[in-house]
Each structure stands twice: as C-alpha cells, then as structure tokens.
Amino acid sequence: MQDKQAEEEIRKIIDECDHLIQVEKFDELVNYYTEDATLVVKPGLEAHGREQIKSAFIKIAAYFDNSMKPVEGKMVYLSGGNVVLVLAQTFLEASEAAVKNSEFGMERRATYIFQKVGDHWLCAIDNSYGTSLLET
C-alpha cells in the first residue's frame, strides 16, 4: 500500500475492534462498520448491516463462553482508491472449553475490506474465514 497513514489508521481500527470484541462492547464496535457492511458469521451464514452484525457478535461471544479474544498477526494491505483489502493472519483465543467445543479453526487467514467514508475508514466486509470459504 502506498499510503502508510491509511495503513496505520486501519491497523489501529482493527486493534480497537479486537479489543471491543474482547470486552463485549458491541454498540461501540458496530460504529467501525459501514451501514450496509457484511460480516461472515460462519461459512454459509452472513450478517448484513450494523444491527445484524451486533446481534451476530453477541451470539458469537456466547458460543465462545464469553471468553473470545482476537489477536492479529501479519497483515498485508492492498489499496485502490478509497478501498483497502486487508489480508490478515488472525488468531482467536478463548477458554479451553470453548476451544475444545468449537467446530471452527482458531487460526484464520482473514480478509477485511475497508472503505473511506468521509474522513473515516470503516469495515465494509469482515470475513475472518478468508478464502477458506472456497472449501465449503
């Protein structure tokens, strides 16, 4: 990505969103999404718009025994105009029981699409499963 400032802004947003997920402040979290954003909840299930995304995160938190902590590893940023594709190595940490009972991997190759709306970068597509959706 040519614009290091945008890269830094988006990285801070992702880190803040990870924190808000961990502390379950979903009302604040959805402000980092576009009005018509899409969240891939699990393969075959998507949430659309801020209200559905908030509801989905509440259910996801419960699924992980309210112990979910996302952590980002390596990231690659690809930009075009007012859109940035983020390829991210994402790890999910959770209680031992939640991890044991989960049917989903705890290490993922996520894809996020951010869009510049006014002066702010907002997430338009949040897909923690990345290209593994092709395997379903």
N, C-alpha and C. Protein backbone atom coordinates (compact mmCIF):
# COMPACT_ATOMS: atom_id res chain seq x y z
N MET A 1 0.85 -1.17 0.00
CA MET A 1 0.00 0.00 0.00
C MET A 1 0.90 1.23 0.00
N GLN A 2 0.54 2.20 -0.80
CA GLN A 2 1.33 3.41 -0.91
C GLN A 2 1.14 4.33 0.30
N ASP A 3 -0.05 4.39 0.82
CA ASP A 3 -0.39 5.34 1.86
C ASP A 3 -0.20 4.74 3.25
N LYS A 4 0.97 4.97 3.83
CA LYS A 4 1.29 4.41 5.15
C LYS A 4 0.37 4.96 6.24
N GLN A 5 -0.10 6.19 6.08
CA GLN A 5 -1.00 6.76 7.08
C GLN A 5 -2.31 5.96 7.12
N ALA A 6 -2.85 5.63 5.96
CA ALA A 6 -4.08 4.83 5.92
C ALA A 6 -3.84 3.46 6.53
N GLU A 7 -2.70 2.86 6.21
CA GLU A 7 -2.35 1.55 6.77
C GLU A 7 -2.31 1.61 8.29
N GLU A 8 -1.69 2.64 8.84
CA GLU A 8 -1.61 2.80 10.30
C GLU A 8 -2.99 3.03 10.90
N GLU A 9 -3.82 3.85 10.24
CA GLU A 9 -5.17 4.11 10.74
C GLU A 9 -5.98 2.82 10.77
N ILE A 10 -5.91 2.04 9.72
CA ILE A 10 -6.69 0.80 9.64
C ILE A 10 -6.19 -0.20 10.67
N ARG A 11 -4.88 -0.30 10.86
CA ARG A 11 -4.34 -1.21 11.87
C ARG A 11 -4.84 -0.83 13.26
N LYS A 12 -4.88 0.47 13.57
CA LYS A 12 -5.39 0.93 14.86
C LYS A 12 -6.87 0.58 15.01
N ILE A 13 -7.63 0.72 13.92
CA ILE A 13 -9.06 0.39 13.97
C ILE A 13 -9.25 -1.10 14.23
N ILE A 14 -8.48 -1.93 13.53
CA ILE A 14 -8.59 -3.38 13.73
C ILE A 14 -8.23 -3.74 15.17
N ASP A 15 -7.16 -3.15 15.69
CA ASP A 15 -6.78 -3.41 17.09
C ASP A 15 -7.88 -2.97 18.05
N GLU A 16 -8.47 -1.80 17.80
CA GLU A 16 -9.56 -1.32 18.66
C GLU A 16 -10.77 -2.25 18.56
N CYS A 17 -11.10 -2.70 17.36
CA CYS A 17 -12.23 -3.63 17.19
C CYS A 17 -11.97 -4.95 17.92
N ASP A 18 -10.75 -5.46 17.83
CA ASP A 18 -10.41 -6.68 18.57
C ASP A 18 -10.62 -6.47 20.06
N HIS A 19 -10.20 -5.31 20.58
CA HIS A 19 -10.40 -5.00 21.99
C HIS A 19 -11.89 -4.93 22.34
N LEU A 20 -12.66 -4.26 21.50
CA LEU A 20 -14.10 -4.13 21.77
C LEU A 20 -14.81 -5.49 21.73
N ILE A 21 -14.34 -6.38 20.87
CA ILE A 21 -14.89 -7.74 20.85
C ILE A 21 -14.57 -8.44 22.16
N GLN A 22 -13.34 -8.33 22.60
CA GLN A 22 -12.92 -8.99 23.83
C GLN A 22 -13.71 -8.50 25.03
N VAL A 23 -13.95 -7.19 25.12
CA VAL A 23 -14.67 -6.64 26.27
C VAL A 23 -16.18 -6.55 26.02
N GLU A 24 -16.61 -7.07 24.87
CA GLU A 24 -18.02 -7.17 24.50
C GLU A 24 -18.76 -5.84 24.50
N LYS A 25 -18.14 -4.84 23.93
CA LYS A 25 -18.78 -3.53 23.75
C LYS A 25 -19.24 -3.43 22.29
N PHE A 26 -20.29 -4.16 21.99
CA PHE A 26 -20.73 -4.31 20.61
C PHE A 26 -21.43 -3.07 20.07
N ASP A 27 -22.03 -2.26 20.94
CA ASP A 27 -22.62 -0.99 20.48
C ASP A 27 -21.53 -0.08 19.91
N GLU A 28 -20.38 -0.06 20.55
CA GLU A 28 -19.26 0.75 20.06
C GLU A 28 -18.62 0.09 18.83
N LEU A 29 -18.52 -1.22 18.86
CA LEU A 29 -17.89 -1.96 17.77
C LEU A 29 -18.54 -1.67 16.43
N VAL A 30 -19.86 -1.69 16.38
CA VAL A 30 -20.54 -1.54 15.09
C VAL A 30 -20.35 -0.17 14.46
N ASN A 31 -19.89 0.81 15.24
CA ASN A 31 -19.59 2.12 14.66
C ASN A 31 -18.40 2.09 13.72
N TYR A 32 -17.63 1.02 13.75
CA TYR A 32 -16.48 0.86 12.86
C TYR A 32 -16.85 0.13 11.57
N TYR A 33 -18.13 -0.14 11.39
CA TYR A 33 -18.64 -0.80 10.19
C TYR A 33 -19.47 0.18 9.37
N THR A 34 -19.48 0.00 8.05
CA THR A 34 -20.37 0.78 7.21
C THR A 34 -21.81 0.39 7.53
N GLU A 35 -22.75 1.26 7.18
CA GLU A 35 -24.17 0.98 7.45
C GLU A 35 -24.62 -0.34 6.83
N ASP A 36 -24.08 -0.66 5.65
CA ASP A 36 -24.51 -1.86 4.92
C ASP A 36 -23.42 -2.95 4.90
N ALA A 37 -22.59 -2.97 5.93
CA ALA A 37 -21.48 -3.93 6.00
C ALA A 37 -21.97 -5.37 6.04
N THR A 38 -21.06 -6.28 5.70
CA THR A 38 -21.33 -7.71 5.77
C THR A 38 -20.30 -8.35 6.69
N LEU A 39 -20.77 -9.19 7.61
CA LEU A 39 -19.93 -9.99 8.48
C LEU A 39 -20.18 -11.45 8.16
N VAL A 40 -19.12 -12.19 7.83
CA VAL A 40 -19.26 -13.63 7.66
C VAL A 40 -19.24 -14.24 9.06
N VAL A 41 -20.39 -14.70 9.52
CA VAL A 41 -20.52 -15.27 10.86
C VAL A 41 -19.87 -16.64 10.89
N LYS A 42 -20.18 -17.45 9.90
CA LYS A 42 -19.58 -18.76 9.68
C LYS A 42 -19.87 -19.12 8.23
N PRO A 43 -19.19 -20.10 7.69
CA PRO A 43 -19.47 -20.45 6.29
C PRO A 43 -20.96 -20.71 6.07
N GLY A 44 -21.52 -19.98 5.11
CA GLY A 44 -22.94 -20.11 4.79
C GLY A 44 -23.85 -19.19 5.56
N LEU A 45 -23.32 -18.40 6.49
CA LEU A 45 -24.15 -17.51 7.29
C LEU A 45 -23.49 -16.14 7.38
N GLU A 46 -24.22 -15.12 6.94
CA GLU A 46 -23.71 -13.75 6.96
C GLU A 46 -24.69 -12.85 7.71
N ALA A 47 -24.14 -11.80 8.30
CA ALA A 47 -24.94 -10.75 8.92
C ALA A 47 -24.74 -9.50 8.08
N HIS A 48 -25.84 -8.78 7.83
CA HIS A 48 -25.80 -7.58 7.00
C HIS A 48 -26.33 -6.38 7.77
N GLY A 49 -25.56 -5.31 7.76
CA GLY A 49 -25.97 -4.09 8.46
C GLY A 49 -25.57 -4.14 9.93
N ARG A 50 -25.49 -2.98 10.51
CA ARG A 50 -24.97 -2.85 11.87
C ARG A 50 -25.78 -3.62 12.92
N GLU A 51 -27.09 -3.60 12.82
CA GLU A 51 -27.91 -4.29 13.84
C GLU A 51 -27.70 -5.80 13.78
N GLN A 52 -27.70 -6.37 12.57
CA GLN A 52 -27.46 -7.81 12.45
C GLN A 52 -26.05 -8.17 12.90
N ILE A 53 -25.08 -7.31 12.58
CA ILE A 53 -23.70 -7.57 12.98
C ILE A 53 -23.58 -7.55 14.51
N LYS A 54 -24.22 -6.59 15.15
CA LYS A 54 -24.21 -6.54 16.61
C LYS A 54 -24.82 -7.81 17.20
N SER A 55 -25.95 -8.21 16.69
CA SER A 55 -26.61 -9.42 17.16
C SER A 55 -25.73 -10.65 16.94
N ALA A 56 -25.07 -10.70 15.80
CA ALA A 56 -24.18 -11.83 15.50
C ALA A 56 -23.02 -11.88 16.49
N PHE A 57 -22.42 -10.73 16.80
CA PHE A 57 -21.30 -10.72 17.74
C PHE A 57 -21.74 -11.15 19.13
N ILE A 58 -22.94 -10.82 19.53
CA ILE A 58 -23.46 -11.27 20.82
C ILE A 58 -23.55 -12.79 20.84
N LYS A 59 -24.03 -13.37 19.75
CA LYS A 59 -24.15 -14.84 19.66
C LYS A 59 -22.78 -15.49 19.56
N ILE A 60 -21.86 -14.88 18.83
CA ILE A 60 -20.50 -15.42 18.72
C ILE A 60 -19.82 -15.42 20.08
N ALA A 61 -19.98 -14.34 20.83
CA ALA A 61 -19.40 -14.26 22.17
C ALA A 61 -19.94 -15.39 23.05
N ALA A 62 -21.23 -15.62 23.00
CA ALA A 62 -21.84 -16.69 23.80
C ALA A 62 -21.30 -18.05 23.36
N TYR A 63 -21.12 -18.25 22.06
CA TYR A 63 -20.60 -19.51 21.52
C TYR A 63 -19.22 -19.81 22.12
N PHE A 64 -18.42 -18.75 22.31
CA PHE A 64 -17.08 -18.90 22.88
C PHE A 64 -17.06 -18.65 24.39
N ASP A 65 -18.17 -18.92 25.05
CA ASP A 65 -18.28 -18.79 26.51
C ASP A 65 -17.85 -17.40 26.99
N ASN A 66 -18.14 -16.38 26.20
CA ASN A 66 -17.80 -15.00 26.53
C ASN A 66 -16.32 -14.86 26.93
N SER A 67 -15.46 -15.59 26.20
CA SER A 67 -14.03 -15.55 26.50
C SER A 67 -13.19 -15.29 25.25
N MET A 68 -13.83 -14.84 24.17
CA MET A 68 -13.12 -14.68 22.90
C MET A 68 -12.20 -13.46 22.91
N LYS A 69 -10.99 -13.71 22.42
CA LYS A 69 -10.02 -12.63 22.28
C LYS A 69 -9.34 -12.78 20.91
N PRO A 70 -9.68 -11.93 19.94
CA PRO A 70 -9.00 -11.99 18.65
C PRO A 70 -7.64 -11.29 18.73
N VAL A 71 -6.66 -11.87 18.05
CA VAL A 71 -5.32 -11.31 18.01
C VAL A 71 -4.84 -11.37 16.56
N GLU A 72 -4.35 -10.25 16.07
CA GLU A 72 -3.89 -10.19 14.68
C GLU A 72 -2.39 -10.47 14.61
N GLY A 73 -2.02 -11.22 13.60
CA GLY A 73 -0.61 -11.46 13.30
C GLY A 73 -0.20 -10.60 12.12
N LYS A 74 0.44 -11.20 11.17
CA LYS A 74 0.92 -10.50 9.99
C LYS A 74 -0.26 -9.97 9.17
N MET A 75 -0.08 -8.78 8.59
CA MET A 75 -1.11 -8.18 7.74
C MET A 75 -0.49 -7.65 6.46
N VAL A 76 -1.26 -7.76 5.38
CA VAL A 76 -0.89 -7.19 4.08
C VAL A 76 -2.04 -6.28 3.67
N TYR A 77 -1.70 -5.07 3.21
CA TYR A 77 -2.69 -4.07 2.81
C TYR A 77 -2.59 -3.83 1.31
N LEU A 78 -3.72 -3.93 0.62
CA LEU A 78 -3.78 -3.64 -0.81
C LEU A 78 -4.83 -2.57 -1.03
N SER A 79 -4.44 -1.46 -1.66
CA SER A 79 -5.37 -0.35 -1.79
C SER A 79 -5.68 -0.04 -3.24
N GLY A 80 -6.86 0.51 -3.43
CA GLY A 80 -7.31 1.01 -4.72
C GLY A 80 -8.36 2.08 -4.46
N GLY A 81 -8.00 3.33 -4.72
CA GLY A 81 -8.94 4.42 -4.48
C GLY A 81 -9.27 4.54 -3.01
N ASN A 82 -10.57 4.50 -2.70
CA ASN A 82 -11.00 4.67 -1.31
C ASN A 82 -11.32 3.32 -0.65
N VAL A 83 -10.70 2.24 -1.17
CA VAL A 83 -10.94 0.90 -0.64
C VAL A 83 -9.60 0.24 -0.33
N VAL A 84 -9.55 -0.48 0.79
CA VAL A 84 -8.36 -1.24 1.16
C VAL A 84 -8.76 -2.66 1.51
N LEU A 85 -8.08 -3.61 0.89
CA LEU A 85 -8.24 -5.02 1.23
C LEU A 85 -7.13 -5.36 2.22
N VAL A 86 -7.52 -5.93 3.36
CA VAL A 86 -6.55 -6.34 4.36
C VAL A 86 -6.57 -7.86 4.43
N LEU A 87 -5.41 -8.45 4.20
CA LEU A 87 -5.22 -9.89 4.38
C LEU A 87 -4.54 -10.06 5.72
N ALA A 88 -5.14 -10.82 6.62
CA ALA A 88 -4.63 -10.86 7.99
C ALA A 88 -4.55 -12.28 8.52
N GLN A 89 -3.47 -12.53 9.21
CA GLN A 89 -3.35 -13.76 9.99
C GLN A 89 -4.03 -13.45 11.33
N THR A 90 -5.12 -14.14 11.59
CA THR A 90 -5.92 -13.86 12.78
C THR A 90 -5.98 -15.09 13.67
N PHE A 91 -5.76 -14.87 14.95
CA PHE A 91 -5.84 -15.94 15.93
C PHE A 91 -6.98 -15.63 16.87
N LEU A 92 -7.76 -16.63 17.22
CA LEU A 92 -8.81 -16.47 18.22
C LEU A 92 -8.38 -17.22 19.46
N GLU A 93 -8.37 -16.52 20.56
CA GLU A 93 -8.11 -17.14 21.85
C GLU A 93 -9.42 -17.19 22.61
N ALA A 94 -9.62 -18.26 23.36
CA ALA A 94 -10.85 -18.41 24.15
C ALA A 94 -10.58 -19.42 25.26
N SER A 95 -11.55 -19.59 26.13
CA SER A 95 -11.39 -20.55 27.22
C SER A 95 -11.13 -21.94 26.63
N GLU A 96 -10.48 -22.76 27.41
CA GLU A 96 -10.14 -24.11 26.94
C GLU A 96 -11.39 -24.89 26.52
N ALA A 97 -12.45 -24.76 27.29
CA ALA A 97 -13.70 -25.47 26.96
C ALA A 97 -14.28 -24.97 25.65
N ALA A 98 -14.24 -23.67 25.43
CA ALA A 98 -14.79 -23.10 24.20
C ALA A 98 -13.99 -23.56 22.99
N VAL A 99 -12.67 -23.58 23.12
CA VAL A 99 -11.82 -24.03 22.02
C VAL A 99 -12.08 -25.50 21.72
N LYS A 100 -12.19 -26.29 22.76
CA LYS A 100 -12.40 -27.74 22.60
C LYS A 100 -13.73 -28.03 21.91
N ASN A 101 -14.75 -27.24 22.20
CA ASN A 101 -16.08 -27.48 21.65
C ASN A 101 -16.33 -26.79 20.31
N SER A 102 -15.40 -25.98 19.86
CA SER A 102 -15.59 -25.24 18.61
C SER A 102 -15.35 -26.12 17.40
N GLU A 103 -16.24 -25.98 16.42
CA GLU A 103 -16.06 -26.71 15.17
C GLU A 103 -15.23 -25.90 14.17
N PHE A 104 -14.82 -24.71 14.56
CA PHE A 104 -14.08 -23.81 13.67
C PHE A 104 -12.65 -23.63 14.15
N GLY A 105 -11.75 -23.41 13.20
CA GLY A 105 -10.35 -23.22 13.49
C GLY A 105 -10.11 -21.94 14.28
N MET A 106 -9.07 -21.97 15.09
CA MET A 106 -8.75 -20.81 15.90
C MET A 106 -7.65 -19.95 15.26
N GLU A 107 -7.06 -20.44 14.19
CA GLU A 107 -6.14 -19.64 13.39
C GLU A 107 -6.75 -19.50 12.01
N ARG A 108 -6.83 -18.26 11.55
CA ARG A 108 -7.52 -18.00 10.29
C ARG A 108 -6.71 -17.05 9.41
N ARG A 109 -7.02 -17.07 8.14
CA ARG A 109 -6.45 -16.14 7.16
C ARG A 109 -7.58 -15.23 6.73
N ALA A 110 -7.80 -14.19 7.50
CA ALA A 110 -8.95 -13.31 7.34
C ALA A 110 -8.77 -12.35 6.17
N THR A 111 -9.90 -11.89 5.64
CA THR A 111 -9.93 -10.82 4.65
C THR A 111 -10.92 -9.76 5.13
N TYR A 112 -10.44 -8.53 5.15
CA TYR A 112 -11.27 -7.40 5.54
C TYR A 112 -11.23 -6.38 4.42
N ILE A 113 -12.36 -5.78 4.14
CA ILE A 113 -12.39 -4.68 3.17
C ILE A 113 -12.83 -3.43 3.91
N PHE A 114 -11.96 -2.42 3.84
CA PHE A 114 -12.25 -1.13 4.45
C PHE A 114 -12.53 -0.11 3.37
N GLN A 115 -13.47 0.77 3.67
CA GLN A 115 -13.87 1.83 2.74
C GLN A 115 -13.74 3.17 3.45
N LYS A 116 -13.21 4.15 2.74
CA LYS A 116 -13.12 5.50 3.30
C LYS A 116 -14.48 6.16 3.14
N VAL A 117 -15.10 6.50 4.27
CA VAL A 117 -16.40 7.16 4.28
C VAL A 117 -16.19 8.49 4.99
N GLY A 118 -16.28 9.57 4.23
CA GLY A 118 -15.95 10.88 4.79
C GLY A 118 -14.48 10.88 5.16
N ASP A 119 -14.21 11.15 6.44
CA ASP A 119 -12.83 11.17 6.92
C ASP A 119 -12.44 9.88 7.65
N HIS A 120 -13.30 8.87 7.63
CA HIS A 120 -13.08 7.68 8.45
C HIS A 120 -13.00 6.41 7.60
N TRP A 121 -12.13 5.50 8.01
CA TRP A 121 -12.08 4.18 7.43
C TRP A 121 -13.07 3.28 8.18
N LEU A 122 -13.97 2.63 7.45
CA LEU A 122 -14.95 1.74 8.05
C LEU A 122 -14.87 0.38 7.36
N CYS A 123 -15.15 -0.65 8.12
CA CYS A 123 -15.13 -2.01 7.58
C CYS A 123 -16.42 -2.26 6.80
N ALA A 124 -16.28 -2.64 5.54
CA ALA A 124 -17.43 -2.96 4.70
C ALA A 124 -17.67 -4.46 4.62
N ILE A 125 -16.59 -5.25 4.68
CA ILE A 125 -16.71 -6.71 4.68
C ILE A 125 -15.72 -7.25 5.71
N ASP A 126 -16.23 -8.06 6.62
CA ASP A 126 -15.44 -8.69 7.68
C ASP A 126 -15.57 -10.19 7.50
N ASN A 127 -14.52 -10.81 6.97
CA ASN A 127 -14.55 -12.24 6.67
C ASN A 127 -13.37 -12.91 7.35
N SER A 128 -13.56 -13.37 8.58
CA SER A 128 -12.46 -13.99 9.31
C SER A 128 -12.07 -15.35 8.74
N TYR A 129 -12.89 -15.89 7.85
CA TYR A 129 -12.61 -17.19 7.24
C TYR A 129 -11.79 -17.07 5.96
N GLY A 130 -11.70 -15.86 5.42
CA GLY A 130 -10.90 -15.64 4.22
C GLY A 130 -11.27 -16.57 3.09
N THR A 131 -10.26 -17.02 2.37
CA THR A 131 -10.51 -17.87 1.20
C THR A 131 -10.87 -19.31 1.58
N SER A 132 -10.84 -19.64 2.86
CA SER A 132 -11.28 -20.99 3.24
C SER A 132 -12.77 -21.19 2.96
N LEU A 133 -13.49 -20.10 2.70
CA LEU A 133 -14.91 -20.23 2.28
C LEU A 133 -15.02 -21.02 0.99
N LEU A 134 -13.98 -21.02 0.19
CA LEU A 134 -13.98 -21.79 -1.06
C LEU A 134 -14.02 -23.29 -0.82
N GLU A 135 -13.62 -23.71 0.37
CA GLU A 135 -13.56 -25.14 0.71
C GLU A 135 -14.89 -25.68 1.23
N THR A 136 -15.88 -24.82 1.41
CA THR A 136 -17.16 -25.29 1.97
C THR A 136 -18.14 -25.64 0.89
